[in-house]
Amino acid sequence: MTFEIDDHWVWDFWFADDGDTFHLFYLHAPKSLGDPQRRHRNARIGHATSEDLRTWTDLGPVLSPGEPSAFDGTATWTGSVVLGPNDRWYLFYTGSRFLDAESHANIETVGVATSSDLHTWSKQDGPVLAADGPWYERLGDGSWPEEAWRDPWVFADPAGDGWHMLVTARANRGPDSDRGVVGHAVSHDLSSWRPAPPLSEPGAGFEHLEVLQPIETAEGWSVLFSCDTSMLAGSRKVSGETGGVWIAPAAGPAGPFFPEDARLIFDERLYSGRIITDRSGRQVLLAFVNQDDDGRFVGTISDPLPVEDLLPPRPEPPKPRRATMDEVGS
């Protein structure tokens, strides 16, 4: 059955799988706020568990904002969970700090919490990573009202060369409205991170690429992301394309990625899609239910959808190219 909380909206989410139980980490905010747009400044991270990705036991909040002056002083936003060394779980999340109550000026940075059991989490003081280096737009570099550096997706390098983090980011070059890129950072130990060049080029038709996830299917590597109609840019906006959940070709899990060739796999009735392998070994997609038939915000999480029913044929794959940790520089 659909995951929902009667008196709260639920939206972006991510999974951890301990081999026996699926753990769902989700954003939520009270419906008593009235306007669904207000949920973003009031987001907290909750936790639920399931044996089959359909029937869920809600365990309530696990991570909340810090003090008002902290990097996560306004809200805790989307992230990912990985199992690191010494059987410690790492929850990388977005810390959001709005500069005042009226404007949209918002600085996003990545924080981390750790756990031995996926239930009790200890937040590290201060962020582990912010938009930096010569590649990324900072607040004030253009007309964009936020410093985009969110939705960290962390995974081990397939060749054993440390760890990668993909983030929703914006390049500091190109037309203001078309700077969405796949941000990138690298680490040898999950503790010390450094930004690396983007893994895609600006000008792909997206103001931002949200909730990134590299996936491998029978057709090869791709990257899943979301972008709604209002955030399309360039020729996509001019031609009247609609947004939702997208998939784009990739050379490998650490890119490069080619969002200029992205294809829509579900319209914005669903958003923030995540792919996970169920206990039968089948890849399924879950997403949050964004809009009803009248365009009103819903705020629940869908049942699993078979991936093979959603993915359109992909174009010829690009030639692989993977940068090593040394190549991305210090």
C-alpha atoms as a PDB file:
ATOM      1  CA  MET A   1       0.000   0.000   0.000  1.00  0.00           C
ATOM      2  CA  THR A   2       1.088   3.595  -0.575  1.00  0.00           C
ATOM      3  CA  PHE A   3       3.211   5.062   2.234  1.00  0.00           C
ATOM      4  CA  GLU A   4       1.446   8.037   3.759  1.00  0.00           C
ATOM      5  CA  ILE A   5       1.082   9.895   7.058  1.00  0.00           C
ATOM      6  CA  ASP A   6      -2.374  11.271   7.772  1.00  0.00           C
ATOM      7  CA  ASP A   7      -1.341  14.663   9.150  1.00  0.00           C
ATOM      8  CA  HIS A   8       1.937  15.140   7.261  1.00  0.00           C
ATOM      9  CA  TRP A   9       3.034  15.543   3.670  1.00  0.00           C
ATOM     10  CA  VAL A  10       5.714  13.085   2.574  1.00  0.00           C
ATOM     11  CA  TRP A  11       7.935  13.708  -0.431  1.00  0.00           C
ATOM     12  CA  ASP A  12      11.631  13.082  -1.318  1.00  0.00           C
ATOM     13  CA  PHE A  13      13.015   9.803   0.057  1.00  0.00           C
ATOM     14  CA  TRP A  14      15.857   7.301  -0.218  1.00  0.00           C
ATOM     15  CA  PHE A  15      16.574   3.723   0.868  1.00  0.00           C
ATOM     16  CA  ALA A  16      18.995   1.579   2.785  1.00  0.00           C
ATOM     17  CA  ASP A  17      18.855  -2.225   2.575  1.00  0.00           C
ATOM     18  CA  ASP A  18      20.456  -4.209   5.401  1.00  0.00           C
ATOM     19  CA  GLY A  19      19.779  -7.522   3.621  1.00  0.00           C
ATOM     20  CA  ASP A  20      16.708  -8.361   5.689  1.00  0.00           C
ATOM     21  CA  THR A  21      14.770  -5.104   5.867  1.00  0.00           C
ATOM     22  CA  PHE A  22      14.274  -2.131   3.568  1.00  0.00           C
ATOM     23  CA  HIS A  23      14.740   1.180   5.377  1.00  0.00           C
ATOM     24  CA  LEU A  24      12.971   4.224   3.975  1.00  0.00           C
ATOM     25  CA  PHE A  25      14.205   7.704   4.904  1.00  0.00           C
ATOM     26  CA  TYR A  26      11.779  10.412   3.886  1.00  0.00           C
ATOM     27  CA  LEU A  27      11.097  14.143   4.139  1.00  0.00           C
ATOM     28  CA  HIS A  28       7.930  15.197   5.922  1.00  0.00           C
ATOM     29  CA  ALA A  29       6.211  18.341   7.183  1.00  0.00           C
ATOM     30  CA  PRO A  30       2.832  18.939   8.893  1.00  0.00           C
ATOM     31  CA  LYS A  31      -0.219  19.639   6.778  1.00  0.00           C
ATOM     32  CA  SER A  32      -1.221  22.214   9.374  1.00  0.00           C
ATOM     33  CA  LEU A  33       1.151  24.582   7.549  1.00  0.00           C
ATOM     34  CA  GLY A  34      -1.671  25.007   5.025  1.00  0.00           C
ATOM     35  CA  ASP A  35       0.320  25.820   1.889  1.00  0.00           C
ATOM     36  CA  PRO A  36       2.336  22.794   0.608  1.00  0.00           C
ATOM     37  CA  GLN A  37       5.096  25.153  -0.551  1.00  0.00           C
ATOM     38  CA  ARG A  38       5.838  25.936   3.090  1.00  0.00           C
ATOM     39  CA  ARG A  39       6.912  22.340   3.633  1.00  0.00           C
ATOM     40  CA  HIS A  40      10.401  23.054   2.288  1.00  0.00           C
ATOM     41  CA  ARG A  41      11.289  25.330   5.214  1.00  0.00           C
ATOM     42  CA  ASN A  42       9.882  22.826   7.687  1.00  0.00           C
ATOM     43  CA  ALA A  43      11.273  19.531   6.393  1.00  0.00           C
ATOM     44  CA  ARG A  44      12.478  16.836   8.781  1.00  0.00           C
ATOM     45  CA  ILE A  45      13.810  13.352   8.023  1.00  0.00           C
ATOM     46  CA  GLY A  46      11.697  10.356   9.051  1.00  0.00           C
ATOM     47  CA  HIS A  47      12.293   6.595   9.002  1.00  0.00           C
ATOM     48  CA  ALA A  48      10.109   3.626   8.073  1.00  0.00           C
ATOM     49  CA  THR A  49      10.787  -0.069   7.442  1.00  0.00           C
ATOM     50  CA  SER A  50       9.348  -2.750   5.181  1.00  0.00           C
ATOM     51  CA  GLU A  51       9.959  -6.342   4.135  1.00  0.00           C
ATOM     52  CA  ASP A  52       8.462  -5.954   0.662  1.00  0.00           C
ATOM     53  CA  LEU A  53       8.540  -2.220  -0.300  1.00  0.00           C
ATOM     54  CA  ARG A  54       4.749  -2.131  -0.030  1.00  0.00           C
ATOM     55  CA  THR A  55       3.729  -2.483   3.618  1.00  0.00           C
ATOM     56  CA  TRP A  56       5.548   0.017   5.828  1.00  0.00           C
ATOM     57  CA  THR A  57       6.022   0.523   9.555  1.00  0.00           C
ATOM     58  CA  ASP A  58       6.575   4.195  10.316  1.00  0.00           C
ATOM     59  CA  LEU A  59       9.173   4.835  13.037  1.00  0.00           C
ATOM     60  CA  GLY A  60       8.899   8.616  13.102  1.00  0.00           C
ATOM     61  CA  PRO A  61      11.526  11.389  12.906  1.00  0.00           C
ATOM     62  CA  VAL A  62      15.244  10.600  13.059  1.00  0.00           C
ATOM     63  CA  LEU A  63      16.981  13.834  12.013  1.00  0.00           C
ATOM     64  CA  SER A  64      16.018  17.471  12.616  1.00  0.00           C
ATOM     65  CA  PRO A  65      17.598  20.866  11.910  1.00  0.00           C
ATOM     66  CA  GLY A  66      20.341  22.353  14.049  1.00  0.00           C
ATOM     67  CA  GLU A  67      20.471  25.745  15.701  1.00  0.00           C
ATOM     68  CA  PRO A  68      19.212  28.660  13.541  1.00  0.00           C
ATOM     69  CA  SER A  69      22.776  29.746  12.699  1.00  0.00           C
ATOM     70  CA  ALA A  70      23.883  26.226  11.717  1.00  0.00           C
ATOM     71  CA  PHE A  71      24.335  25.063   8.126  1.00  0.00           C
ATOM     72  CA  ASP A  72      21.138  23.002   8.598  1.00  0.00           C
ATOM     73  CA  GLY A  73      19.421  25.644  10.682  1.00  0.00           C
ATOM     74  CA  THR A  74      16.235  25.818   8.585  1.00  0.00           C
ATOM     75  CA  ALA A  75      15.585  22.268   7.419  1.00  0.00           C
ATOM     76  CA  THR A  76      17.083  18.846   6.728  1.00  0.00           C
ATOM     77  CA  TRP A  77      16.626  17.843   3.100  1.00  0.00           C
ATOM     78  CA  THR A  78      17.266  14.931   0.771  1.00  0.00           C
ATOM     79  CA  GLY A  79      20.238  12.568   0.984  1.00  0.00           C
ATOM     80  CA  SER A  80      21.404   8.961   0.784  1.00  0.00           C
ATOM     81  CA  VAL A  81      22.675   6.192   3.070  1.00  0.00           C
ATOM     82  CA  VAL A  82      25.732   3.955   2.559  1.00  0.00           C
ATOM     83  CA  LEU A  83      27.418   1.272   4.634  1.00  0.00           C
ATOM     84  CA  GLY A  84      30.974   2.379   5.300  1.00  0.00           C
ATOM     85  CA  PRO A  85      34.024   0.902   7.022  1.00  0.00           C
ATOM     86  CA  ASN A  86      33.642  -0.851  10.383  1.00  0.00           C
ATOM     87  CA  ASP A  87      29.963  -1.542   9.670  1.00  0.00           C
ATOM     88  CA  ARG A  88      28.986   2.080  10.251  1.00  0.00           C
ATOM     89  CA  TRP A  89      26.095   3.538   8.288  1.00  0.00           C
ATOM     90  CA  TYR A  90      26.537   7.042   6.887  1.00  0.00           C
ATOM     91  CA  LEU A  91      23.524   9.252   6.164  1.00  0.00           C
ATOM     92  CA  PHE A  92      24.569  12.141   3.938  1.00  0.00           C
ATOM     93  CA  TYR A  93      21.886  14.823   3.823  1.00  0.00           C
ATOM     94  CA  THR A  94      21.257  18.384   2.663  1.00  0.00           C
ATOM     95  CA  GLY A  95      21.419  21.148   5.229  1.00  0.00           C
ATOM     96  CA  SER A  96      19.236  24.097   4.247  1.00  0.00           C
ATOM     97  CA  ARG A  97      19.675  27.590   5.711  1.00  0.00           C
ATOM     98  CA  PHE A  98      17.384  30.342   4.443  1.00  0.00           C
ATOM     99  CA  LEU A  99      18.910  33.760   5.050  1.00  0.00           C
ATOM    100  CA  ASP A 100      15.634  35.400   6.086  1.00  0.00           C
ATOM    101  CA  ALA A 101      11.937  34.659   6.412  1.00  0.00           C
ATOM    102  CA  GLU A 102      10.821  36.546   3.300  1.00  0.00           C
ATOM    103  CA  SER A 103      13.275  35.887   0.461  1.00  0.00           C
ATOM    104  CA  HIS A 104      14.171  32.659  -1.330  1.00  0.00           C
ATOM    105  CA  ALA A 105      17.895  33.141  -0.613  1.00  0.00           C
ATOM    106  CA  ASN A 106      19.015  29.729   0.576  1.00  0.00           C
ATOM    107  CA  ILE A 107      22.429  28.158   1.116  1.00  0.00           C
ATOM    108  CA  GLU A 108      22.568  24.380   0.751  1.00  0.00           C
ATOM    109  CA  THR A 109      25.435  22.268   2.049  1.00  0.00           C
ATOM    110  CA  VAL A 110      25.993  18.577   2.747  1.00  0.00           C
ATOM    111  CA  GLY A 111      26.068  17.168   6.262  1.00  0.00           C
ATOM    112  CA  VAL A 112      26.457  13.631   7.623  1.00  0.00           C
ATOM    113  CA  ALA A 113      25.148  11.514  10.478  1.00  0.00           C
ATOM    114  CA  THR A 114      26.339   8.030  11.442  1.00  0.00           C
ATOM    115  CA  SER A 115      24.678   4.984  12.975  1.00  0.00           C
ATOM    116  CA  SER A 116      25.442   1.398  13.911  1.00  0.00           C
ATOM    117  CA  ASP A 117      21.869   0.186  13.406  1.00  0.00           C
ATOM    118  CA  LEU A 118      20.049   2.581  10.977  1.00  0.00           C
ATOM    119  CA  HIS A 119      17.769   3.669  13.824  1.00  0.00           C
ATOM    120  CA  THR A 120      19.759   5.987  16.094  1.00  0.00           C
ATOM    121  CA  TRP A 121      21.813   8.668  14.351  1.00  0.00           C
ATOM    122  CA  SER A 122      24.551  11.017  15.523  1.00  0.00           C
ATOM    123  CA  LYS A 123      25.028  14.193  13.498  1.00  0.00           C
ATOM    124  CA  GLN A 124      28.513  15.490  12.796  1.00  0.00           C
ATOM    125  CA  ASP A 125      28.953  19.141  13.734  1.00  0.00           C
ATOM    126  CA  GLY A 126      29.261  21.337  10.687  1.00  0.00           C
ATOM    127  CA  PRO A 127      28.997  20.497   6.993  1.00  0.00           C
ATOM    128  CA  VAL A 128      31.254  18.050   5.171  1.00  0.00           C
ATOM    129  CA  LEU A 129      30.989  19.742   1.767  1.00  0.00           C
ATOM    130  CA  ALA A 130      29.844  23.010   0.181  1.00  0.00           C
ATOM    131  CA  ALA A 131      29.748  24.322  -3.388  1.00  0.00           C
ATOM    132  CA  ASP A 132      33.373  25.205  -4.065  1.00  0.00           C
ATOM    133  CA  GLY A 133      36.107  25.143  -6.631  1.00  0.00           C
ATOM    134  CA  PRO A 134      36.220  26.957  -9.960  1.00  0.00           C
ATOM    135  CA  TRP A 135      33.243  25.127 -11.469  1.00  0.00           C
ATOM    136  CA  TYR A 136      30.117  25.811  -9.414  1.00  0.00           C
ATOM    137  CA  GLU A 137      27.723  28.731  -9.026  1.00  0.00           C
ATOM    138  CA  ARG A 138      27.599  30.309  -5.568  1.00  0.00           C
ATOM    139  CA  LEU A 139      24.841  32.477  -4.144  1.00  0.00           C
ATOM    140  CA  GLY A 140      25.099  35.872  -5.862  1.00  0.00           C
ATOM    141  CA  ASP A 141      26.961  34.622  -8.947  1.00  0.00           C
ATOM    142  CA  GLY A 142      23.796  35.013 -11.010  1.00  0.00           C
ATOM    143  CA  SER A 143      20.075  35.521 -10.635  1.00  0.00           C
ATOM    144  CA  TRP A 144      19.456  32.057  -9.121  1.00  0.00           C
ATOM    145  CA  PRO A 145      18.085  32.544  -5.569  1.00  0.00           C
ATOM    146  CA  GLU A 146      19.947  29.687  -3.897  1.00  0.00           C
ATOM    147  CA  GLU A 147      23.388  28.174  -3.599  1.00  0.00           C
ATOM    148  CA  ALA A 148      22.471  24.793  -5.053  1.00  0.00           C
ATOM    149  CA  TRP A 149      24.434  21.946  -3.479  1.00  0.00           C
ATOM    150  CA  ARG A 150      21.952  19.304  -2.372  1.00  0.00           C
ATOM    151  CA  ASP A 151      20.584  15.757  -2.721  1.00  0.00           C
ATOM    152  CA  PRO A 152      23.931  13.978  -2.123  1.00  0.00           C
ATOM    153  CA  TRP A 153      24.038  10.497  -3.637  1.00  0.00           C
ATOM    154  CA  VAL A 154      27.085   8.631  -2.296  1.00  0.00           C
ATOM    155  CA  PHE A 155      28.454   5.323  -3.581  1.00  0.00           C
ATOM    156  CA  ALA A 156      31.693   3.352  -3.579  1.00  0.00           C
ATOM    157  CA  ASP A 157      33.904   3.556  -6.648  1.00  0.00           C
ATOM    158  CA  PRO A 158      33.430   0.255  -8.553  1.00  0.00           C
ATOM    159  CA  ALA A 159      37.209  -0.119  -8.911  1.00  0.00           C
ATOM    160  CA  GLY A 160      37.780   0.413  -5.192  1.00  0.00           C
ATOM    161  CA  ASP A 161      39.163   3.916  -5.691  1.00  0.00           C
ATOM    162  CA  GLY A 162      37.378   5.612  -2.780  1.00  0.00           C
ATOM    163  CA  TRP A 163      33.901   7.134  -2.874  1.00  0.00           C
ATOM    164  CA  HIS A 164      31.878   9.391  -5.151  1.00  0.00           C
ATOM    165  CA  MET A 165      29.165  11.895  -4.339  1.00  0.00           C
ATOM    166  CA  LEU A 166      26.734  13.232  -6.954  1.00  0.00           C
ATOM    167  CA  VAL A 167      24.950  16.472  -6.054  1.00  0.00           C
ATOM    168  CA  THR A 168      22.320  18.755  -7.533  1.00  0.00           C
ATOM    169  CA  ALA A 169      24.428  21.753  -8.542  1.00  0.00           C
ATOM    170  CA  ARG A 170      24.684  24.616 -11.018  1.00  0.00           C
ATOM    171  CA  ALA A 171      27.641  25.544 -13.196  1.00  0.00           C
ATOM    172  CA  ASN A 172      29.049  29.071 -12.960  1.00  0.00           C
ATOM    173  CA  ARG A 173      28.947  29.507 -16.726  1.00  0.00           C
ATOM    174  CA  GLY A 174      26.275  29.545 -19.422  1.00  0.00           C
ATOM    175  CA  PRO A 175      22.849  31.218 -19.493  1.00  0.00           C
ATOM    176  CA  ASP A 176      21.439  31.750 -15.995  1.00  0.00           C
ATOM    177  CA  SER A 177      18.411  29.606 -16.699  1.00  0.00           C
ATOM    178  CA  ASP A 178      20.311  26.622 -18.126  1.00  0.00           C
ATOM    179  CA  ARG A 179      23.127  25.889 -15.687  1.00  0.00           C
ATOM    180  CA  GLY A 180      21.893  22.655 -14.114  1.00  0.00           C
ATOM    181  CA  VAL A 181      24.678  20.050 -13.909  1.00  0.00           C
ATOM    182  CA  VAL A 182      25.591  16.837 -12.113  1.00  0.00           C
ATOM    183  CA  GLY A 183      27.894  18.087  -9.355  1.00  0.00           C
ATOM    184  CA  HIS A 184      30.669  15.782  -8.191  1.00  0.00           C
ATOM    185  CA  ALA A 185      32.886  15.284  -5.154  1.00  0.00           C
ATOM    186  CA  VAL A 186      35.304  12.534  -4.156  1.00  0.00           C
ATOM    187  CA  SER A 187      36.632  11.012  -0.946  1.00  0.00           C
ATOM    188  CA  HIS A 188      39.064   8.296   0.088  1.00  0.00           C
ATOM    189  CA  ASP A 189      37.444   7.655   3.477  1.00  0.00           C
ATOM    190  CA  LEU A 190      33.852   9.064   3.575  1.00  0.00           C
ATOM    191  CA  SER A 191      35.056  11.752   5.990  1.00  0.00           C
ATOM    192  CA  SER A 192      37.196  14.175   3.980  1.00  0.00           C
ATOM    193  CA  TRP A 193      35.596  15.324   0.720  1.00  0.00           C
ATOM    194  CA  ARG A 194      36.754  17.583  -2.085  1.00  0.00           C
ATOM    195  CA  PRO A 195      34.727  18.994  -4.984  1.00  0.00           C
ATOM    196  CA  ALA A 196      35.573  17.807  -8.482  1.00  0.00           C
ATOM    197  CA  PRO A 197      34.501  19.068 -11.916  1.00  0.00           C
ATOM    198  CA  PRO A 198      30.851  18.530 -12.923  1.00  0.00           C
ATOM    199  CA  LEU A 199      30.048  15.244 -14.632  1.00  0.00           C
ATOM    200  CA  SER A 200      27.766  16.889 -17.186  1.00  0.00           C
ATOM    201  CA  GLU A 201      27.721  20.097 -19.209  1.00  0.00           C
ATOM    202  CA  PRO A 202      25.380  23.067 -18.688  1.00  0.00           C
ATOM    203  CA  GLY A 203      22.945  23.900 -21.475  1.00  0.00           C
ATOM    204  CA  ALA A 204      21.093  20.560 -21.349  1.00  0.00           C
ATOM    205  CA  GLY A 205      17.712  22.237 -20.866  1.00  0.00           C
ATOM    206  CA  PHE A 206      17.407  21.988 -17.080  1.00  0.00           C
ATOM    207  CA  GLU A 207      17.671  24.719 -14.460  1.00  0.00           C
ATOM    208  CA  HIS A 208      18.552  21.930 -12.044  1.00  0.00           C
ATOM    209  CA  LEU A 209      18.786  18.116 -11.971  1.00  0.00           C
ATOM    210  CA  GLU A 210      17.333  16.877  -8.679  1.00  0.00           C
ATOM    211  CA  VAL A 211      17.667  13.608  -6.700  1.00  0.00           C
ATOM    212  CA  LEU A 212      20.299  12.040  -8.929  1.00  0.00           C
ATOM    213  CA  GLN A 213      20.851   8.274  -8.946  1.00  0.00           C
ATOM    214  CA  PRO A 214      23.117   6.307 -11.321  1.00  0.00           C
ATOM    215  CA  ILE A 215      21.523   3.015 -12.322  1.00  0.00           C
ATOM    216  CA  GLU A 216      22.574  -0.020 -14.354  1.00  0.00           C
ATOM    217  CA  THR A 217      20.006  -1.890 -16.423  1.00  0.00           C
ATOM    218  CA  ALA A 218      20.282  -4.485 -19.162  1.00  0.00           C
ATOM    219  CA  GLU A 219      20.924  -1.601 -21.575  1.00  0.00           C
ATOM    220  CA  GLY A 220      23.883  -0.209 -19.615  1.00  0.00           C
ATOM    221  CA  TRP A 221      24.420   2.755 -17.306  1.00  0.00           C
ATOM    222  CA  SER A 222      22.071   5.723 -16.983  1.00  0.00           C
ATOM    223  CA  VAL A 223      21.346   8.455 -14.469  1.00  0.00           C
ATOM    224  CA  LEU A 224      17.891   9.026 -13.010  1.00  0.00           C
ATOM    225  CA  PHE A 225      16.867  12.536 -11.979  1.00  0.00           C
ATOM    226  CA  SER A 226      13.832  14.787 -11.639  1.00  0.00           C
ATOM    227  CA  CYS A 227      12.968  18.226 -13.005  1.00  0.00           C
ATOM    228  CA  ASP A 228       9.483  19.670 -13.217  1.00  0.00           C
ATOM    229  CA  THR A 229       8.037  21.754 -16.049  1.00  0.00           C
ATOM    230  CA  SER A 230       8.684  25.093 -14.356  1.00  0.00           C
ATOM    231  CA  MET A 231      12.426  24.377 -14.207  1.00  0.00           C
ATOM    232  CA  LEU A 232      12.951  23.377 -17.830  1.00  0.00           C
ATOM    233  CA  ALA A 233      15.164  25.707 -19.860  1.00  0.00           C
ATOM    234  CA  GLY A 234      16.444  26.406 -23.340  1.00  0.00           C
ATOM    235  CA  SER A 235      14.882  24.497 -26.211  1.00  0.00           C
ATOM    236  CA  ARG A 236      12.940  22.231 -23.839  1.00  0.00           C
ATOM    237  CA  LYS A 237      11.081  25.234 -22.446  1.00  0.00           C
ATOM    238  CA  VAL A 238      10.573  26.828 -25.867  1.00  0.00           C
ATOM    239  CA  SER A 239       9.153  23.622 -27.342  1.00  0.00           C
ATOM    240  CA  GLY A 240       6.723  23.165 -24.444  1.00  0.00           C
ATOM    241  CA  GLU A 241       8.117  19.944 -22.984  1.00  0.00           C
ATOM    242  CA  THR A 242       6.735  18.843 -19.633  1.00  0.00           C
ATOM    243  CA  GLY A 243       8.749  17.721 -16.639  1.00  0.00           C
ATOM    244  CA  GLY A 244       8.763  14.874 -14.152  1.00  0.00           C
ATOM    245  CA  VAL A 245      11.117  11.923 -13.705  1.00  0.00           C
ATOM    246  CA  TRP A 246      13.894  11.674 -16.316  1.00  0.00           C
ATOM    247  CA  ILE A 247      16.601   9.247 -17.377  1.00  0.00           C
ATOM    248  CA  ALA A 248      19.777  10.121 -19.280  1.00  0.00           C
ATOM    249  CA  PRO A 249      22.600   8.001 -20.730  1.00  0.00           C
ATOM    250  CA  ALA A 250      25.859   7.632 -18.833  1.00  0.00           C
ATOM    251  CA  ALA A 251      29.293   6.212 -19.526  1.00  0.00           C
ATOM    252  CA  GLY A 252      29.378   4.628 -16.076  1.00  0.00           C
ATOM    253  CA  PRO A 253      28.225   5.144 -12.474  1.00  0.00           C
ATOM    254  CA  ALA A 254      30.657   8.050 -12.068  1.00  0.00           C
ATOM    255  CA  GLY A 255      29.827   9.572 -15.436  1.00  0.00           C
ATOM    256  CA  PRO A 256      30.158  11.387 -17.568  1.00  0.00           C
ATOM    257  CA  PHE A 257      26.401  11.906 -17.852  1.00  0.00           C
ATOM    258  CA  PHE A 258      24.491  13.289 -20.829  1.00  0.00           C
ATOM    259  CA  PRO A 259      21.290  15.065 -19.701  1.00  0.00           C
ATOM    260  CA  GLU A 260      21.045  16.729 -23.118  1.00  0.00           C
ATOM    261  CA  ASP A 261      19.819  13.282 -24.257  1.00  0.00           C
ATOM    262  CA  ALA A 262      17.459  12.805 -21.292  1.00  0.00           C
ATOM    263  CA  ARG A 263      14.072  11.169 -21.834  1.00  0.00           C
ATOM    264  CA  LEU A 264      11.003  11.609 -19.648  1.00  0.00           C
ATOM    265  CA  ILE A 265       9.859   8.328 -18.073  1.00  0.00           C
ATOM    266  CA  PHE A 266       7.010   9.687 -15.943  1.00  0.00           C
ATOM    267  CA  ASP A 267       5.234  13.038 -15.928  1.00  0.00           C
ATOM    268  CA  GLU A 268       5.146  15.235 -12.853  1.00  0.00           C
ATOM    269  CA  ARG A 269       2.271  13.403 -11.258  1.00  0.00           C
ATOM    270  CA  LEU A 270       5.262  11.515  -9.801  1.00  0.00           C
ATOM    271  CA  TYR A 271       8.555  13.074  -8.706  1.00  0.00           C
ATOM    272  CA  SER A 272      11.885  12.189  -7.076  1.00  0.00           C
ATOM    273  CA  GLY A 273      11.962   8.651  -8.433  1.00  0.00           C
ATOM    274  CA  ARG A 274      14.272   6.076  -6.819  1.00  0.00           C
ATOM    275  CA  ILE A 275      15.175   2.661  -8.187  1.00  0.00           C
ATOM    276  CA  ILE A 276      15.857  -0.287  -5.889  1.00  0.00           C
ATOM    277  CA  THR A 277      16.110  -4.062  -6.326  1.00  0.00           C
ATOM    278  CA  ASP A 278      13.353  -5.988  -4.564  1.00  0.00           C
ATOM    279  CA  ARG A 279      13.726  -9.392  -2.932  1.00  0.00           C
ATOM    280  CA  SER A 280      12.903 -11.182  -6.191  1.00  0.00           C
ATOM    281  CA  GLY A 281      15.868  -9.466  -7.878  1.00  0.00           C
ATOM    282  CA  ARG A 282      13.650  -7.189  -9.957  1.00  0.00           C
ATOM    283  CA  GLN A 283      14.407  -3.497 -10.293  1.00  0.00           C
ATOM    284  CA  VAL A 284      11.462  -1.324  -9.248  1.00  0.00           C
ATOM    285  CA  LEU A 285      10.879   2.418  -9.107  1.00  0.00           C
ATOM    286  CA  LEU A 286       9.122   4.275  -6.326  1.00  0.00           C
ATOM    287  CA  ALA A 287       8.399   8.001  -6.409  1.00  0.00           C
ATOM    288  CA  PHE A 288       6.425  10.458  -4.353  1.00  0.00           C
ATOM    289  CA  VAL A 289       2.939  11.287  -5.598  1.00  0.00           C
ATOM    290  CA  ASN A 290       3.296  14.933  -6.510  1.00  0.00           C
ATOM    291  CA  GLN A 291      -0.005  15.905  -8.151  1.00  0.00           C
ATOM    292  CA  ASP A 292      -3.506  14.565  -8.434  1.00  0.00           C
ATOM    293  CA  ASP A 293      -5.540  14.822 -11.633  1.00  0.00           C
ATOM    294  CA  ASP A 294      -6.447  18.426 -10.757  1.00  0.00           C
ATOM    295  CA  GLY A 295      -2.823  19.453 -10.223  1.00  0.00           C
ATOM    296  CA  ARG A 296      -3.050  19.618  -6.424  1.00  0.00           C
ATOM    297  CA  PHE A 297      -0.108  18.514  -4.302  1.00  0.00           C
ATOM    298  CA  VAL A 298      -0.568  15.042  -2.761  1.00  0.00           C
ATOM    299  CA  GLY A 299       2.532  14.123  -0.713  1.00  0.00           C
ATOM    300  CA  THR A 300       2.540  10.319  -0.419  1.00  0.00           C
ATOM    301  CA  ILE A 301       4.937   7.640  -1.736  1.00  0.00           C
ATOM    302  CA  SER A 302       3.890   5.284  -4.514  1.00  0.00           C
ATOM    303  CA  ASP A 303       3.913   1.501  -4.616  1.00  0.00           C
ATOM    304  CA  PRO A 304       6.778  -0.091  -6.612  1.00  0.00           C
ATOM    305  CA  LEU A 305       6.598   0.136 -10.409  1.00  0.00           C
ATOM    306  CA  PRO A 306       8.546  -2.377 -12.570  1.00  0.00           C
ATOM    307  CA  VAL A 307      11.456  -0.568 -14.207  1.00  0.00           C
ATOM    308  CA  GLU A 308      11.224  -2.550 -17.428  1.00  0.00           C
ATOM    309  CA  ASP A 309       7.749  -1.104 -18.008  1.00  0.00           C
ATOM    310  CA  LEU A 310       9.020   2.488 -17.724  1.00  0.00           C
ATOM    311  CA  LEU A 311      12.308   2.743 -19.585  1.00  0.00           C
ATOM    312  CA  PRO A 312      12.212   3.710 -23.267  1.00  0.00           C
ATOM    313  CA  PRO A 313      14.905   2.392 -25.635  1.00  0.00           C
ATOM    314  CA  ARG A 314      18.125   4.308 -25.136  1.00  0.00           C
ATOM    315  CA  PRO A 315      20.404   5.700 -27.847  1.00  0.00           C
ATOM    316  CA  GLU A 316      23.855   4.323 -28.562  1.00  0.00           C
ATOM    317  CA  PRO A 317      25.888   4.459 -25.324  1.00  0.00           C
ATOM    318  CA  PRO A 318      28.760   6.962 -25.121  1.00  0.00           C
ATOM    319  CA  LYS A 319      32.320   5.706 -24.876  1.00  0.00           C
ATOM    320  CA  PRO A 320      33.302   5.059 -21.243  1.00  0.00           C
ATOM    321  CA  ARG A 321      35.609   7.485 -19.454  1.00  0.00           C
ATOM    322  CA  ARG A 322      36.236   7.438 -15.709  1.00  0.00           C
ATOM    323  CA  ALA A 323      38.524   9.882 -13.959  1.00  0.00           C
ATOM    324  CA  THR A 324      40.613   8.539 -11.070  1.00  0.00           C
ATOM    325  CA  MET A 325      40.910  10.323  -7.749  1.00  0.00           C
ATOM    326  CA  ASP A 326      44.337  11.645  -8.732  1.00  0.00           C
ATOM    327  CA  GLU A 327      43.042  12.985 -12.032  1.00  0.00           C
ATOM    328  CA  VAL A 328      40.377  15.155 -10.399  1.00  0.00           C
ATOM    329  CA  GLY A 329      43.094  16.980  -8.481  1.00  0.00           C
ATOM    330  CA  SER A 330      43.415  18.104  -4.917  1.00  0.00           C
END
